[in-house]
Amino acid sequence: MSLTTAALEQLKVASIKLERFQELVTRLFSYGIVVRDEDGAEQRYYDDSHRIEGLLTEYFGLAGFHLHHDIKGEFFRLYAPGAQVPGITPVDVEPVPSLRARVSPDFVAAALALRFLYQKGLTDGGKDLTDEGEVLIRFDELAATLQTQLKRPLPESVVDRDKVLRELKRHRLIRLSPTFSMSDEDALIAIRQTILGVISNDALAAALEADGGEPVEAASDAGVQEENQ
C-alpha cells in the first residue's frame, strides 16, 4: 500500500477531504502554530488537526519535523528538524539554520522579556495568571523588563513598537484586545503559555547573564526556539 493510499484511507475515516489536509499542513508550515482560541477559523484548523493528529504526526515525522500537541493549552506547534523541543529532543541535536524563522532582533528581545515576565507571573503566586494559563502585564512592564533585565530598549518609534507587537501576536505569543493601545496605561497584554515552547530556560538564562553585552545573540546561541515561517 502506498503512503498516499494509506493517508487517504485515514482521511476518509475522519471525514476530512484531501484538500483540507493540505490546508492544515500548509497552515502549520506557514505559521508553525495553531491555537484553538485565536479565532473561528483557527479553531476549525485546530479541531480538524486534532481529528487527524496521528496522520499529521506521521506525515511531519517522516520529514524530520516534530508536531507537538499541548492538550491543556489547546494548540499544535510544529518544530523544525533539530529544534530543541522541551522534554523531548536531546540537547546535543544541532538545529537546521535554514529552517529557522527570519525574525528581527527586537522580536527576539521582546520574546525573551515576555518569557521572563511569564515566569515571574507563575512564581508570584499566580495573581496575574488567568484561567487560560496566560499572564497579564501592562505595556510599560514589557518596556521596563527589556531595559532592566536585557539592557535593550524598545524601538523608539511608535510604528516600530507596533510592528514588534504585531509580530509577537502573529507568532501567537501574546493576545491583545481589539481596543488595545500602547498609550493606555491600563491596557493589558496577555502572555500566552506558548512562550514556553519558544524561549527555553537556557536561552533566558543566557540573555540575563549577558550583563549588558549582546543578550539577543547570547540567547540565540543558547537555543531560542524560532518558529517556522
N, C-alpha and C. Protein backbone atom coordinates (compact mmCIF):
# COMPACT_ATOMS: atom_id res chain seq x y z
N MET A 1 0.84 -1.20 0.00
CA MET A 1 0.00 0.00 0.00
C MET A 1 0.88 1.26 0.00
N SER A 2 0.58 2.22 -0.86
CA SER A 2 1.37 3.44 -0.93
C SER A 2 1.03 4.36 0.23
N LEU A 3 1.92 5.32 0.50
CA LEU A 3 1.68 6.30 1.56
C LEU A 3 0.44 7.12 1.26
N THR A 4 0.25 7.45 0.01
CA THR A 4 -0.91 8.25 -0.39
C THR A 4 -2.20 7.50 -0.12
N THR A 5 -2.22 6.22 -0.49
CA THR A 5 -3.42 5.41 -0.27
C THR A 5 -3.73 5.29 1.22
N ALA A 6 -2.69 5.06 2.02
CA ALA A 6 -2.88 4.93 3.46
C ALA A 6 -3.40 6.25 4.05
N ALA A 7 -2.86 7.35 3.58
CA ALA A 7 -3.28 8.66 4.08
C ALA A 7 -4.73 8.93 3.70
N LEU A 8 -5.09 8.60 2.47
CA LEU A 8 -6.46 8.84 2.01
C LEU A 8 -7.46 8.01 2.81
N GLU A 9 -7.07 6.80 3.18
CA GLU A 9 -7.96 5.95 3.98
C GLU A 9 -8.19 6.57 5.36
N GLN A 10 -7.12 7.08 5.96
CA GLN A 10 -7.27 7.72 7.27
C GLN A 10 -8.12 8.99 7.19
N LEU A 11 -7.95 9.73 6.12
CA LEU A 11 -8.75 10.94 5.93
C LEU A 11 -10.22 10.59 5.75
N LYS A 12 -10.48 9.49 5.04
CA LYS A 12 -11.86 9.06 4.81
C LYS A 12 -12.53 8.69 6.12
N VAL A 13 -11.80 8.00 6.99
CA VAL A 13 -12.35 7.61 8.29
C VAL A 13 -12.69 8.85 9.12
N ALA A 14 -11.85 9.88 9.01
CA ALA A 14 -12.06 11.11 9.77
C ALA A 14 -13.00 12.09 9.07
N SER A 15 -13.47 11.72 7.88
CA SER A 15 -14.36 12.57 7.08
C SER A 15 -13.73 13.92 6.77
N ILE A 16 -12.45 13.87 6.42
CA ILE A 16 -11.72 15.09 6.04
C ILE A 16 -11.18 14.89 4.63
N LYS A 17 -11.43 15.88 3.77
CA LYS A 17 -11.00 15.80 2.38
C LYS A 17 -9.50 16.06 2.26
N LEU A 18 -8.94 15.57 1.16
CA LEU A 18 -7.51 15.76 0.91
C LEU A 18 -7.17 17.25 0.85
N GLU A 19 -8.05 18.05 0.26
CA GLU A 19 -7.81 19.49 0.17
C GLU A 19 -7.70 20.12 1.55
N ARG A 20 -8.51 19.65 2.48
CA ARG A 20 -8.46 20.19 3.85
C ARG A 20 -7.17 19.76 4.54
N PHE A 21 -6.75 18.54 4.32
CA PHE A 21 -5.48 18.06 4.87
C PHE A 21 -4.34 18.94 4.37
N GLN A 22 -4.36 19.26 3.08
CA GLN A 22 -3.33 20.12 2.52
C GLN A 22 -3.36 21.51 3.14
N GLU A 23 -4.55 22.02 3.42
CA GLU A 23 -4.68 23.32 4.08
C GLU A 23 -4.06 23.29 5.48
N LEU A 24 -4.31 22.21 6.21
CA LEU A 24 -3.77 22.08 7.57
C LEU A 24 -2.25 22.03 7.55
N VAL A 25 -1.71 21.25 6.63
CA VAL A 25 -0.25 21.13 6.51
C VAL A 25 0.36 22.48 6.14
N THR A 26 -0.25 23.16 5.19
CA THR A 26 0.25 24.47 4.77
C THR A 26 0.20 25.47 5.91
N ARG A 27 -0.87 25.43 6.66
CA ARG A 27 -1.02 26.36 7.80
C ARG A 27 0.08 26.14 8.83
N LEU A 28 0.35 24.90 9.14
CA LEU A 28 1.38 24.59 10.14
C LEU A 28 2.78 24.92 9.63
N PHE A 29 3.02 24.66 8.36
CA PHE A 29 4.31 25.03 7.79
C PHE A 29 4.49 26.55 7.76
N SER A 30 3.41 27.26 7.48
CA SER A 30 3.48 28.71 7.33
C SER A 30 3.61 29.44 8.66
N TYR A 31 2.83 29.01 9.66
CA TYR A 31 2.79 29.72 10.94
C TYR A 31 3.54 29.00 12.05
N GLY A 32 3.69 27.68 11.93
CA GLY A 32 4.38 26.93 12.96
C GLY A 32 3.54 26.63 14.18
N ILE A 33 2.33 27.21 14.22
CA ILE A 33 1.48 27.01 15.40
C ILE A 33 0.03 27.24 15.03
N VAL A 34 -0.85 26.49 15.67
CA VAL A 34 -2.29 26.67 15.56
C VAL A 34 -2.86 26.67 16.96
N VAL A 35 -3.53 27.75 17.33
CA VAL A 35 -4.08 27.90 18.68
C VAL A 35 -5.60 27.95 18.59
N ARG A 36 -6.27 27.12 19.35
CA ARG A 36 -7.72 26.99 19.21
C ARG A 36 -8.48 28.26 19.54
N ASP A 37 -8.02 29.01 20.55
CA ASP A 37 -8.80 30.17 20.98
C ASP A 37 -8.44 31.46 20.24
N GLU A 38 -7.71 31.34 19.12
CA GLU A 38 -7.31 32.55 18.39
C GLU A 38 -8.50 33.20 17.68
N ASP A 39 -9.19 32.45 16.85
CA ASP A 39 -10.39 32.95 16.17
C ASP A 39 -11.16 31.76 15.62
N GLY A 40 -12.28 32.05 14.97
CA GLY A 40 -13.12 30.96 14.47
C GLY A 40 -12.43 30.07 13.47
N ALA A 41 -11.70 30.69 12.54
CA ALA A 41 -11.01 29.92 11.51
C ALA A 41 -9.93 29.05 12.12
N GLU A 42 -9.17 29.61 13.06
CA GLU A 42 -8.09 28.83 13.67
C GLU A 42 -8.65 27.75 14.58
N GLN A 43 -9.80 28.00 15.17
CA GLN A 43 -10.45 26.96 15.98
C GLN A 43 -10.76 25.75 15.11
N ARG A 44 -11.22 26.00 13.90
CA ARG A 44 -11.51 24.89 12.98
C ARG A 44 -10.23 24.20 12.53
N TYR A 45 -9.16 24.99 12.32
CA TYR A 45 -7.87 24.38 11.99
C TYR A 45 -7.44 23.44 13.12
N TYR A 46 -7.58 23.90 14.34
CA TYR A 46 -7.17 23.09 15.50
C TYR A 46 -8.03 21.82 15.60
N ASP A 47 -9.34 21.99 15.52
CA ASP A 47 -10.24 20.85 15.68
C ASP A 47 -10.01 19.79 14.60
N ASP A 48 -9.82 20.24 13.36
CA ASP A 48 -9.57 19.28 12.28
C ASP A 48 -8.20 18.61 12.44
N SER A 49 -7.21 19.38 12.90
CA SER A 49 -5.89 18.80 13.16
C SER A 49 -5.97 17.75 14.26
N HIS A 50 -6.79 18.02 15.26
CA HIS A 50 -6.97 17.09 16.37
C HIS A 50 -7.56 15.77 15.86
N ARG A 51 -8.48 15.87 14.91
CA ARG A 51 -9.15 14.68 14.38
C ARG A 51 -8.19 13.77 13.62
N ILE A 52 -7.19 14.34 12.99
CA ILE A 52 -6.22 13.53 12.23
C ILE A 52 -4.81 13.74 12.79
N GLU A 53 -4.74 13.89 14.09
CA GLU A 53 -3.45 14.15 14.73
C GLU A 53 -2.42 13.07 14.41
N GLY A 54 -2.86 11.82 14.43
CA GLY A 54 -1.93 10.72 14.15
C GLY A 54 -1.34 10.81 12.76
N LEU A 55 -2.18 11.11 11.78
CA LEU A 55 -1.72 11.21 10.40
C LEU A 55 -0.75 12.39 10.25
N LEU A 56 -1.09 13.54 10.84
CA LEU A 56 -0.23 14.71 10.74
C LEU A 56 1.12 14.45 11.42
N THR A 57 1.07 13.79 12.56
CA THR A 57 2.31 13.49 13.28
C THR A 57 3.23 12.61 12.44
N GLU A 58 2.65 11.57 11.81
CA GLU A 58 3.44 10.68 10.96
C GLU A 58 3.95 11.42 9.73
N TYR A 59 3.11 12.25 9.14
CA TYR A 59 3.48 12.97 7.93
C TYR A 59 4.68 13.88 8.19
N PHE A 60 4.58 14.69 9.23
CA PHE A 60 5.69 15.60 9.56
C PHE A 60 6.90 14.82 10.06
N GLY A 61 6.63 13.74 10.80
CA GLY A 61 7.72 12.94 11.35
C GLY A 61 8.60 12.33 10.27
N LEU A 62 8.00 11.93 9.16
CA LEU A 62 8.78 11.35 8.06
C LEU A 62 9.78 12.36 7.50
N ALA A 63 9.44 13.64 7.62
CA ALA A 63 10.33 14.70 7.10
C ALA A 63 11.27 15.23 8.17
N GLY A 64 11.19 14.63 9.37
CA GLY A 64 12.09 15.04 10.44
C GLY A 64 11.54 16.13 11.34
N PHE A 65 10.30 16.57 11.09
CA PHE A 65 9.68 17.58 11.93
C PHE A 65 9.01 16.92 13.13
N HIS A 66 8.75 17.73 14.16
CA HIS A 66 8.04 17.21 15.33
C HIS A 66 6.80 18.06 15.56
N LEU A 67 5.64 17.42 15.57
CA LEU A 67 4.38 18.11 15.84
C LEU A 67 4.01 17.88 17.29
N HIS A 68 4.03 18.96 18.06
CA HIS A 68 3.71 18.88 19.49
C HIS A 68 2.28 19.36 19.72
N HIS A 69 1.52 18.55 20.45
CA HIS A 69 0.14 18.91 20.78
C HIS A 69 0.04 19.17 22.27
N ASP A 70 -0.22 20.41 22.63
CA ASP A 70 -0.46 20.76 24.03
C ASP A 70 -1.96 20.68 24.26
N ILE A 71 -2.40 19.59 24.85
CA ILE A 71 -3.84 19.36 25.01
C ILE A 71 -4.45 20.38 25.96
N LYS A 72 -3.76 20.66 27.07
CA LYS A 72 -4.29 21.60 28.04
C LYS A 72 -4.39 23.01 27.46
N GLY A 73 -3.34 23.42 26.74
CA GLY A 73 -3.34 24.75 26.14
C GLY A 73 -4.10 24.82 24.83
N GLU A 74 -4.48 23.66 24.31
CA GLU A 74 -5.21 23.55 23.04
C GLU A 74 -4.49 24.26 21.90
N PHE A 75 -3.26 23.80 21.65
CA PHE A 75 -2.55 24.31 20.48
C PHE A 75 -1.60 23.24 19.95
N PHE A 76 -1.33 23.32 18.65
CA PHE A 76 -0.32 22.50 17.99
C PHE A 76 0.85 23.39 17.64
N ARG A 77 2.08 22.92 17.87
CA ARG A 77 3.27 23.65 17.44
C ARG A 77 4.14 22.70 16.63
N LEU A 78 4.60 23.20 15.49
CA LEU A 78 5.45 22.40 14.61
C LEU A 78 6.90 22.83 14.79
N TYR A 79 7.75 21.87 15.16
CA TYR A 79 9.17 22.14 15.34
C TYR A 79 9.95 21.61 14.15
N ALA A 80 10.86 22.43 13.66
CA ALA A 80 11.71 22.04 12.54
C ALA A 80 12.72 20.99 12.99
N PRO A 81 13.31 20.23 12.05
CA PRO A 81 14.33 19.25 12.41
C PRO A 81 15.46 19.89 13.20
N GLY A 82 15.83 19.28 14.32
CA GLY A 82 16.92 19.79 15.13
C GLY A 82 16.51 20.80 16.17
N ALA A 83 15.26 21.28 16.13
CA ALA A 83 14.81 22.24 17.14
C ALA A 83 14.76 21.56 18.50
N GLN A 84 15.11 22.31 19.55
CA GLN A 84 15.11 21.76 20.89
C GLN A 84 13.69 21.78 21.45
N VAL A 85 13.04 20.63 21.45
CA VAL A 85 11.68 20.52 21.97
C VAL A 85 11.78 20.16 23.45
N PRO A 86 11.32 21.05 24.34
CA PRO A 86 11.45 20.81 25.78
C PRO A 86 10.95 19.44 26.20
N GLY A 87 11.84 18.69 26.85
CA GLY A 87 11.47 17.39 27.39
C GLY A 87 11.45 16.26 26.38
N ILE A 88 11.79 16.56 25.12
CA ILE A 88 11.71 15.53 24.08
C ILE A 88 13.02 15.38 23.33
N THR A 89 13.54 16.48 22.78
CA THR A 89 14.72 16.43 21.93
C THR A 89 16.00 16.46 22.75
N PRO A 90 16.95 15.57 22.47
CA PRO A 90 18.25 15.62 23.15
C PRO A 90 18.92 16.97 22.92
N VAL A 91 19.59 17.48 23.93
CA VAL A 91 20.18 18.81 23.85
C VAL A 91 21.34 18.88 22.87
N ASP A 92 21.92 17.73 22.47
CA ASP A 92 23.07 17.77 21.59
C ASP A 92 22.69 17.71 20.11
N VAL A 93 21.40 17.76 19.80
CA VAL A 93 20.96 17.76 18.41
C VAL A 93 21.11 19.16 17.83
N GLU A 94 21.80 19.25 16.70
CA GLU A 94 22.03 20.55 16.08
C GLU A 94 20.80 21.00 15.29
N PRO A 95 20.38 22.27 15.45
CA PRO A 95 19.24 22.77 14.68
C PRO A 95 19.62 22.97 13.21
N VAL A 96 18.61 23.11 12.38
CA VAL A 96 18.83 23.35 10.96
C VAL A 96 18.60 24.83 10.70
N PRO A 97 19.67 25.62 10.52
CA PRO A 97 19.54 27.08 10.39
C PRO A 97 18.60 27.52 9.28
N SER A 98 18.61 26.82 8.15
CA SER A 98 17.81 27.25 7.01
C SER A 98 16.32 27.15 7.28
N LEU A 99 15.94 26.39 8.31
CA LEU A 99 14.53 26.23 8.62
C LEU A 99 14.10 27.09 9.80
N ARG A 100 14.99 27.94 10.25
CA ARG A 100 14.62 28.85 11.32
C ARG A 100 13.95 30.09 10.75
N ALA A 101 13.09 30.69 11.56
CA ALA A 101 12.37 31.86 11.10
C ALA A 101 13.31 33.06 10.98
N ARG A 102 13.00 33.93 10.05
CA ARG A 102 13.73 35.19 9.95
C ARG A 102 12.99 36.22 10.79
N VAL A 103 13.37 36.32 12.03
CA VAL A 103 12.72 37.25 12.94
C VAL A 103 13.70 38.34 13.32
N SER A 104 13.16 39.48 13.69
CA SER A 104 14.00 40.63 14.00
C SER A 104 14.61 40.51 15.38
N PRO A 105 15.76 41.17 15.62
CA PRO A 105 16.36 41.19 16.96
C PRO A 105 15.40 41.78 17.99
N ASP A 106 14.60 42.75 17.59
CA ASP A 106 13.63 43.34 18.51
C ASP A 106 12.58 42.32 18.93
N PHE A 107 12.19 41.46 17.98
CA PHE A 107 11.23 40.40 18.29
C PHE A 107 11.83 39.42 19.30
N VAL A 108 13.06 39.00 19.06
CA VAL A 108 13.71 38.05 19.96
C VAL A 108 13.85 38.65 21.36
N ALA A 109 14.26 39.91 21.43
CA ALA A 109 14.42 40.57 22.73
C ALA A 109 13.09 40.67 23.45
N ALA A 110 12.04 41.04 22.72
CA ALA A 110 10.72 41.16 23.34
C ALA A 110 10.21 39.80 23.80
N ALA A 111 10.48 38.75 23.01
CA ALA A 111 10.07 37.40 23.40
C ALA A 111 10.80 36.96 24.67
N LEU A 112 12.07 37.30 24.78
CA LEU A 112 12.83 37.00 25.99
C LEU A 112 12.23 37.70 27.20
N ALA A 113 11.87 38.98 27.03
CA ALA A 113 11.26 39.74 28.12
C ALA A 113 9.92 39.14 28.52
N LEU A 114 9.15 38.71 27.53
CA LEU A 114 7.86 38.07 27.82
C LEU A 114 8.06 36.77 28.59
N ARG A 115 9.09 36.01 28.21
CA ARG A 115 9.38 34.75 28.92
C ARG A 115 9.74 35.03 30.37
N PHE A 116 10.51 36.09 30.59
CA PHE A 116 10.88 36.47 31.96
C PHE A 116 9.64 36.86 32.75
N LEU A 117 8.77 37.66 32.14
CA LEU A 117 7.57 38.12 32.83
C LEU A 117 6.58 36.97 33.06
N TYR A 118 6.54 36.02 32.13
CA TYR A 118 5.65 34.87 32.30
C TYR A 118 6.11 34.04 33.50
N GLN A 119 7.41 33.79 33.57
CA GLN A 119 7.94 33.02 34.69
C GLN A 119 7.71 33.75 36.00
N LYS A 120 7.88 35.06 35.97
CA LYS A 120 7.66 35.88 37.17
C LYS A 120 6.20 35.78 37.61
N GLY A 121 5.30 35.79 36.62
CA GLY A 121 3.88 35.68 36.93
C GLY A 121 3.53 34.34 37.57
N LEU A 122 4.23 33.29 37.15
CA LEU A 122 3.98 31.96 37.73
C LEU A 122 4.50 31.86 39.16
N THR A 123 5.63 32.50 39.42
CA THR A 123 6.26 32.38 40.74
C THR A 123 5.78 33.42 41.74
N ASP A 124 5.01 34.39 41.28
CA ASP A 124 4.49 35.42 42.19
C ASP A 124 3.13 35.08 42.77
N GLY A 125 2.86 33.81 42.87
CA GLY A 125 1.59 33.39 43.45
C GLY A 125 0.45 33.30 42.46
N GLY A 126 0.75 33.57 41.19
CA GLY A 126 -0.27 33.44 40.16
C GLY A 126 -1.35 34.51 40.20
N LYS A 127 -1.06 35.65 40.85
CA LYS A 127 -2.10 36.68 40.96
C LYS A 127 -2.47 37.28 39.60
N ASP A 128 -1.55 37.24 38.64
CA ASP A 128 -1.83 37.76 37.30
C ASP A 128 -2.06 36.66 36.30
N LEU A 129 -2.27 35.43 36.78
CA LEU A 129 -2.47 34.28 35.91
C LEU A 129 -3.97 34.05 35.68
N THR A 130 -4.35 33.91 34.42
CA THR A 130 -5.76 33.70 34.09
C THR A 130 -6.09 32.21 34.10
N ASP A 131 -7.36 31.90 33.98
CA ASP A 131 -7.79 30.51 33.92
C ASP A 131 -7.28 29.81 32.67
N GLU A 132 -6.94 30.59 31.64
CA GLU A 132 -6.42 30.02 30.40
C GLU A 132 -4.91 29.82 30.44
N GLY A 133 -4.29 30.11 31.58
CA GLY A 133 -2.85 29.93 31.71
C GLY A 133 -2.05 31.09 31.15
N GLU A 134 -2.69 32.24 30.97
CA GLU A 134 -2.00 33.42 30.46
C GLU A 134 -1.61 34.33 31.63
N VAL A 135 -0.53 35.06 31.46
CA VAL A 135 -0.09 36.04 32.46
C VAL A 135 -0.36 37.43 31.90
N LEU A 136 -1.05 38.25 32.67
CA LEU A 136 -1.42 39.59 32.22
C LEU A 136 -0.39 40.62 32.67
N ILE A 137 0.05 41.44 31.72
CA ILE A 137 1.00 42.51 32.03
C ILE A 137 0.55 43.79 31.33
N ARG A 138 1.14 44.91 31.73
CA ARG A 138 0.92 46.17 31.03
C ARG A 138 2.08 46.42 30.08
N PHE A 139 1.86 47.26 29.10
CA PHE A 139 2.89 47.53 28.10
C PHE A 139 4.15 48.10 28.75
N ASP A 140 3.97 48.96 29.76
CA ASP A 140 5.15 49.56 30.40
C ASP A 140 5.98 48.52 31.15
N GLU A 141 5.35 47.41 31.56
CA GLU A 141 6.11 46.33 32.20
C GLU A 141 7.03 45.65 31.20
N LEU A 142 6.56 45.49 29.98
CA LEU A 142 7.38 44.90 28.93
C LEU A 142 8.57 45.81 28.63
N ALA A 143 8.29 47.10 28.51
CA ALA A 143 9.35 48.07 28.21
C ALA A 143 10.38 48.12 29.33
N ALA A 144 9.90 48.10 30.58
CA ALA A 144 10.80 48.17 31.73
C ALA A 144 11.66 46.92 31.85
N THR A 145 11.08 45.75 31.58
CA THR A 145 11.82 44.50 31.66
C THR A 145 12.91 44.43 30.60
N LEU A 146 12.60 44.90 29.42
CA LEU A 146 13.61 44.94 28.37
C LEU A 146 14.80 45.80 28.79
N GLN A 147 14.51 46.92 29.43
CA GLN A 147 15.56 47.85 29.81
C GLN A 147 16.36 47.35 31.01
N THR A 148 15.67 46.86 32.03
CA THR A 148 16.36 46.48 33.27
C THR A 148 17.00 45.10 33.21
N GLN A 149 16.33 44.15 32.58
CA GLN A 149 16.83 42.78 32.56
C GLN A 149 17.71 42.47 31.36
N LEU A 150 17.41 43.08 30.21
CA LEU A 150 18.13 42.76 28.98
C LEU A 150 18.96 43.92 28.46
N LYS A 151 18.86 45.07 29.15
CA LYS A 151 19.63 46.26 28.74
C LYS A 151 19.38 46.60 27.28
N ARG A 152 18.14 46.44 26.85
CA ARG A 152 17.79 46.71 25.45
C ARG A 152 16.44 47.40 25.41
N PRO A 153 16.38 48.65 24.97
CA PRO A 153 15.10 49.37 24.94
C PRO A 153 14.24 48.92 23.77
N LEU A 154 12.97 49.21 23.87
CA LEU A 154 12.08 49.01 22.74
C LEU A 154 12.44 49.99 21.63
N PRO A 155 12.04 49.71 20.40
CA PRO A 155 12.28 50.67 19.31
C PRO A 155 11.69 52.03 19.70
N GLU A 156 12.30 53.09 19.24
CA GLU A 156 11.87 54.43 19.63
C GLU A 156 10.53 54.83 19.01
N SER A 157 10.33 54.53 17.75
CA SER A 157 9.12 54.98 17.09
C SER A 157 7.91 54.11 17.43
N VAL A 158 6.75 54.75 17.46
CA VAL A 158 5.51 54.05 17.73
C VAL A 158 5.23 53.01 16.65
N VAL A 159 5.58 53.34 15.42
CA VAL A 159 5.36 52.42 14.30
C VAL A 159 6.16 51.14 14.49
N ASP A 160 7.43 51.28 14.89
CA ASP A 160 8.29 50.11 15.08
C ASP A 160 7.85 49.30 16.30
N ARG A 161 7.39 49.98 17.33
CA ARG A 161 6.88 49.27 18.51
C ARG A 161 5.63 48.46 18.17
N ASP A 162 4.76 49.09 17.39
CA ASP A 162 3.55 48.39 16.97
C ASP A 162 3.90 47.19 16.10
N LYS A 163 4.94 47.32 15.29
CA LYS A 163 5.38 46.20 14.44
C LYS A 163 5.82 45.02 15.28
N VAL A 164 6.55 45.30 16.38
CA VAL A 164 7.01 44.23 17.27
C VAL A 164 5.81 43.54 17.91
N LEU A 165 4.84 44.30 18.37
CA LEU A 165 3.66 43.72 19.00
C LEU A 165 2.88 42.85 18.00
N ARG A 166 2.76 43.33 16.78
CA ARG A 166 2.03 42.56 15.77
C ARG A 166 2.78 41.27 15.43
N GLU A 167 4.11 41.34 15.45
CA GLU A 167 4.92 40.15 15.19
C GLU A 167 4.76 39.13 16.31
N LEU A 168 4.73 39.61 17.54
CA LEU A 168 4.52 38.74 18.69
C LEU A 168 3.14 38.10 18.64
N LYS A 169 2.16 38.89 18.24
CA LYS A 169 0.79 38.38 18.14
C LYS A 169 0.67 37.35 17.03
N ARG A 170 1.34 37.60 15.90
CA ARG A 170 1.27 36.67 14.78
C ARG A 170 1.88 35.33 15.13
N HIS A 171 2.89 35.35 15.98
CA HIS A 171 3.53 34.11 16.42
C HIS A 171 2.78 33.49 17.60
N ARG A 172 1.63 34.06 17.93
CA ARG A 172 0.74 33.53 18.98
C ARG A 172 1.43 33.52 20.36
N LEU A 173 2.27 34.51 20.61
CA LEU A 173 2.92 34.61 21.92
C LEU A 173 2.16 35.54 22.85
N ILE A 174 1.37 36.44 22.29
CA ILE A 174 0.57 37.35 23.10
C ILE A 174 -0.83 37.44 22.52
N ARG A 175 -1.73 37.94 23.35
CA ARG A 175 -3.09 38.22 22.90
C ARG A 175 -3.43 39.64 23.31
N LEU A 176 -3.97 40.40 22.37
CA LEU A 176 -4.33 41.78 22.62
C LEU A 176 -5.83 41.97 22.40
N SER A 177 -6.44 42.85 23.17
CA SER A 177 -7.84 43.16 22.96
C SER A 177 -7.97 44.03 21.71
N PRO A 178 -9.14 44.02 21.06
CA PRO A 178 -9.34 44.84 19.85
C PRO A 178 -9.11 46.33 20.10
N THR A 179 -9.28 46.77 21.34
CA THR A 179 -9.14 48.20 21.67
C THR A 179 -7.79 48.52 22.31
N PHE A 180 -6.84 47.58 22.23
CA PHE A 180 -5.55 47.80 22.87
C PHE A 180 -4.84 49.03 22.31
N SER A 181 -4.23 49.80 23.22
CA SER A 181 -3.46 50.97 22.82
C SER A 181 -2.24 51.08 23.73
N MET A 182 -1.08 51.31 23.14
CA MET A 182 0.14 51.43 23.92
C MET A 182 0.09 52.65 24.85
N SER A 183 -0.72 53.63 24.49
CA SER A 183 -0.81 54.84 25.30
C SER A 183 -1.76 54.71 26.49
N ASP A 184 -2.51 53.61 26.51
CA ASP A 184 -3.45 53.36 27.61
C ASP A 184 -2.72 52.62 28.73
N GLU A 185 -2.52 53.28 29.86
CA GLU A 185 -1.76 52.68 30.96
C GLU A 185 -2.45 51.47 31.55
N ASP A 186 -3.75 51.36 31.38
CA ASP A 186 -4.49 50.24 31.95
C ASP A 186 -4.68 49.08 30.97
N ALA A 187 -4.25 49.28 29.72
CA ALA A 187 -4.40 48.22 28.72
C ALA A 187 -3.49 47.04 29.06
N LEU A 188 -4.02 45.83 28.91
CA LEU A 188 -3.28 44.63 29.30
C LEU A 188 -2.85 43.81 28.09
N ILE A 189 -1.69 43.19 28.23
CA ILE A 189 -1.19 42.24 27.25
C ILE A 189 -1.23 40.86 27.90
N ALA A 190 -1.84 39.89 27.23
CA ALA A 190 -1.89 38.53 27.76
C ALA A 190 -0.74 37.72 27.16
N ILE A 191 0.19 37.29 28.01
CA ILE A 191 1.29 36.43 27.55
C ILE A 191 0.79 35.00 27.55
N ARG A 192 0.80 34.38 26.39
CA ARG A 192 0.29 33.02 26.29
C ARG A 192 1.35 32.02 26.75
N GLN A 193 0.87 30.87 27.20
CA GLN A 193 1.80 29.83 27.66
C GLN A 193 2.61 29.25 26.51
N THR A 194 2.25 29.60 25.27
CA THR A 194 3.03 29.16 24.12
C THR A 194 4.44 29.73 24.16
N ILE A 195 4.67 30.76 24.95
CA ILE A 195 6.01 31.35 25.08
C ILE A 195 7.00 30.33 25.61
N LEU A 196 6.52 29.36 26.37
CA LEU A 196 7.40 28.35 26.97
C LEU A 196 8.04 27.46 25.91
N GLY A 197 7.37 27.29 24.78
CA GLY A 197 7.92 26.45 23.72
C GLY A 197 8.82 27.20 22.76
N VAL A 198 8.92 28.52 22.92
CA VAL A 198 9.73 29.34 22.02
C VAL A 198 11.03 29.77 22.67
N ILE A 199 10.96 30.13 23.95
CA ILE A 199 12.14 30.56 24.69
C ILE A 199 12.46 29.52 25.75
N SER A 200 13.58 28.85 25.61
CA SER A 200 13.96 27.83 26.59
C SER A 200 14.53 28.47 27.85
N ASN A 201 14.61 27.68 28.91
CA ASN A 201 15.22 28.17 30.15
C ASN A 201 16.67 28.58 29.92
N ASP A 202 17.38 27.80 29.13
CA ASP A 202 18.78 28.11 28.84
C ASP A 202 18.92 29.43 28.09
N ALA A 203 18.01 29.65 27.12
CA ALA A 203 18.06 30.89 26.35
C ALA A 203 17.81 32.09 27.24
N LEU A 204 16.84 31.97 28.13
CA LEU A 204 16.54 33.07 29.04
C LEU A 204 17.70 33.32 29.97
N ALA A 205 18.27 32.25 30.51
CA ALA A 205 19.40 32.41 31.43
C ALA A 205 20.59 33.06 30.73
N ALA A 206 20.85 32.65 29.48
CA ALA A 206 21.97 33.22 28.73
C ALA A 206 21.76 34.71 28.49
N ALA A 207 20.51 35.09 28.21
CA ALA A 207 20.22 36.50 27.96
C ALA A 207 20.38 37.32 29.23
N LEU A 208 19.92 36.78 30.35
CA LEU A 208 20.01 37.52 31.60
C LEU A 208 21.45 37.63 32.10
N GLU A 209 22.27 36.66 31.73
CA GLU A 209 23.66 36.67 32.17
C GLU A 209 24.58 37.47 31.24
N ALA A 210 24.01 37.98 30.13
CA ALA A 210 24.82 38.73 29.17
C ALA A 210 25.34 40.03 29.77
N ASP A 211 24.66 40.53 30.82
CA ASP A 211 25.14 41.69 31.57
C ASP A 211 25.40 42.89 30.67
N GLY A 212 24.39 43.20 29.87
CA GLY A 212 24.50 44.39 29.04
C GLY A 212 25.30 44.19 27.78
N GLY A 213 25.75 42.96 27.51
CA GLY A 213 26.51 42.70 26.30
C GLY A 213 25.59 42.61 25.11
N GLU A 214 25.40 41.39 24.63
CA GLU A 214 24.51 41.20 23.49
C GLU A 214 23.53 40.08 23.85
N PRO A 215 22.47 40.40 24.61
CA PRO A 215 21.55 39.38 25.10
C PRO A 215 20.85 38.60 24.01
N VAL A 216 20.52 39.26 22.91
CA VAL A 216 19.83 38.55 21.83
C VAL A 216 20.73 37.50 21.22
N GLU A 217 21.99 37.85 20.95
CA GLU A 217 22.93 36.89 20.39
C GLU A 217 23.21 35.77 21.38
N ALA A 218 23.33 36.12 22.67
CA ALA A 218 23.57 35.10 23.69
C ALA A 218 22.42 34.12 23.75
N ALA A 219 21.21 34.64 23.65
CA ALA A 219 20.05 33.77 23.70
C ALA A 219 19.99 32.86 22.49
N SER A 220 20.34 33.39 21.33
CA SER A 220 20.33 32.58 20.11
C SER A 220 21.33 31.44 20.22
N ASP A 221 22.50 31.73 20.81
CA ASP A 221 23.50 30.68 20.99
C ASP A 221 23.00 29.60 21.93
N ALA A 222 22.13 29.98 22.88
CA ALA A 222 21.62 29.01 23.85
C ALA A 222 20.43 28.23 23.31
N GLY A 223 19.91 28.64 22.16
CA GLY A 223 18.83 27.86 21.54
C GLY A 223 17.46 28.46 21.62
N VAL A 224 17.31 29.74 21.27
CA VAL A 224 15.98 30.31 21.18
C VAL A 224 15.20 29.57 20.12
N GLN A 225 14.01 29.11 20.47
CA GLN A 225 13.21 28.34 19.52
C GLN A 225 12.43 29.27 18.61
N GLU A 226 12.93 29.44 17.40
CA GLU A 226 12.25 30.30 16.43
C GLU A 226 11.28 29.47 15.61
N GLU A 227 10.11 30.03 15.36
CA GLU A 227 9.08 29.27 14.67
C GLU A 227 9.31 29.27 13.17
N ASN A 228 8.68 28.28 12.51
CA ASN A 228 8.74 28.21 11.06
C ASN A 228 7.89 29.32 10.47
N GLN A 229 8.30 29.80 9.32
CA GLN A 229 7.53 30.85 8.64
C GLN A 229 6.77 30.22 7.48
